């Protein structure tokens, strides 16, 4: 019985860690325009994609 409890707690911990990583990544994407170091902050995402792909 004790082994199952430890196994479930490990799975819960892994799930929580993945959740924190995903939430952190989403927050990072949302605040990225505020901390964007590139000089052309005013350009839209579409323009940045065109510049990055060289089109």
C-alpha atoms as a PDB file:
ATOM      1  CA  UNK A   1       0.000   0.000   0.000  1.00  0.00           C
ATOM      2  CA  UNK A   2       2.818   2.364   0.855  1.00  0.00           C
ATOM      3  CA  UNK A   3       4.517   1.784  -2.509  1.00  0.00           C
ATOM      4  CA  UNK A   4       1.397   2.855  -4.403  1.00  0.00           C
ATOM      5  CA  UNK A   5       1.107   6.020  -2.337  1.00  0.00           C
ATOM      6  CA  UNK A   6       4.718   6.947  -3.118  1.00  0.00           C
ATOM      7  CA  UNK A   7       4.207   6.190  -6.810  1.00  0.00           C
ATOM      8  CA  UNK A   8       1.135   8.441  -6.970  1.00  0.00           C
ATOM      9  CA  UNK A   9       2.896  11.257  -5.121  1.00  0.00           C
ATOM     10  CA  UNK A  10       5.782  11.067  -7.611  1.00  0.00           C
ATOM     11  CA  UNK A  11       3.319  11.265 -10.521  1.00  0.00           C
ATOM     12  CA  UNK A  12       1.561  14.203  -8.827  1.00  0.00           C
ATOM     13  CA  UNK A  13       4.915  15.954  -8.347  1.00  0.00           C
ATOM     14  CA  UNK A  14       5.847  15.445 -12.016  1.00  0.00           C
ATOM     15  CA  UNK A  15       2.433  16.723 -13.097  1.00  0.00           C
ATOM     16  CA  UNK A  16       2.785  19.787 -10.884  1.00  0.00           C
ATOM     17  CA  UNK A  17       6.270  20.489 -12.235  1.00  0.00           C
ATOM     18  CA  UNK A  18       5.020  20.267 -15.834  1.00  0.00           C
ATOM     19  CA  UNK A  19       2.120  22.564 -14.934  1.00  0.00           C
ATOM     20  CA  UNK A  20       4.468  25.156 -13.423  1.00  0.00           C
ATOM     21  CA  UNK A  21       6.712  25.025 -16.506  1.00  0.00           C
ATOM     22  CA  UNK A  22       3.733  25.508 -18.846  1.00  0.00           C
ATOM     23  CA  UNK A  23       2.318  28.378 -16.759  1.00  0.00           C
ATOM     24  CA  UNK A  24       5.748  30.015 -16.600  1.00  0.00           C
ATOM     25  CA  UNK A  25       6.142  29.690 -20.366  1.00  0.00           C
ATOM     26  CA  UNK A  26       2.706  31.257 -20.993  1.00  0.00           C
ATOM     27  CA  UNK A  27       3.493  34.144 -18.622  1.00  0.00           C
ATOM     28  CA  UNK A  28       6.862  34.622 -20.360  1.00  0.00           C
ATOM     29  CA  UNK A  29       5.129  34.837 -23.763  1.00  0.00           C
ATOM     30  CA  UNK A  30       2.618  37.351 -22.398  1.00  0.00           C
ATOM     31  CA  UNK A  31       5.265  39.652 -20.847  1.00  0.00           C
ATOM     32  CA  UNK A  32       7.833  39.230 -23.655  1.00  0.00           C
ATOM     33  CA  UNK A  33       6.684  42.379 -25.545  1.00  0.00           C
ATOM     34  CA  UNK A  34       7.471  44.393 -22.392  1.00  0.00           C
ATOM     35  CA  UNK A  35      11.033  43.023 -22.070  1.00  0.00           C
ATOM     36  CA  UNK A  36      11.751  42.561 -25.787  1.00  0.00           C
ATOM     37  CA  UNK A  37      15.374  43.679 -26.366  1.00  0.00           C
ATOM     38  CA  UNK A  38      15.051  44.084 -30.131  1.00  0.00           C
ATOM     39  CA  UNK A  39      15.001  47.703 -31.359  1.00  0.00           C
ATOM     40  CA  UNK A  40      11.869  47.405 -33.532  1.00  0.00           C
ATOM     41  CA  UNK A  41       9.316  46.753 -30.775  1.00  0.00           C
ATOM     42  CA  UNK A  42       6.572  48.555 -32.679  1.00  0.00           C
ATOM     43  CA  UNK A  43       6.629  46.117 -35.591  1.00  0.00           C
ATOM     44  CA  UNK A  44       3.953  43.462 -35.595  1.00  0.00           C
ATOM     45  CA  UNK A  45       4.525  39.740 -35.100  1.00  0.00           C
ATOM     46  CA  UNK A  46       3.830  39.131 -38.791  1.00  0.00           C
ATOM     47  CA  UNK A  47       6.566  41.588 -39.789  1.00  0.00           C
ATOM     48  CA  UNK A  48       9.015  39.982 -37.362  1.00  0.00           C
ATOM     49  CA  UNK A  49       8.281  36.546 -38.845  1.00  0.00           C
ATOM     50  CA  UNK A  50       8.907  37.888 -42.362  1.00  0.00           C
ATOM     51  CA  UNK A  51      12.219  39.418 -41.223  1.00  0.00           C
ATOM     52  CA  UNK A  52      13.255  36.185 -39.473  1.00  0.00           C
ATOM     53  CA  UNK A  53      12.456  34.042 -42.527  1.00  0.00           C
ATOM     54  CA  UNK A  54      14.111  36.538 -44.880  1.00  0.00           C
ATOM     55  CA  UNK A  55      11.041  37.189 -47.010  1.00  0.00           C
END
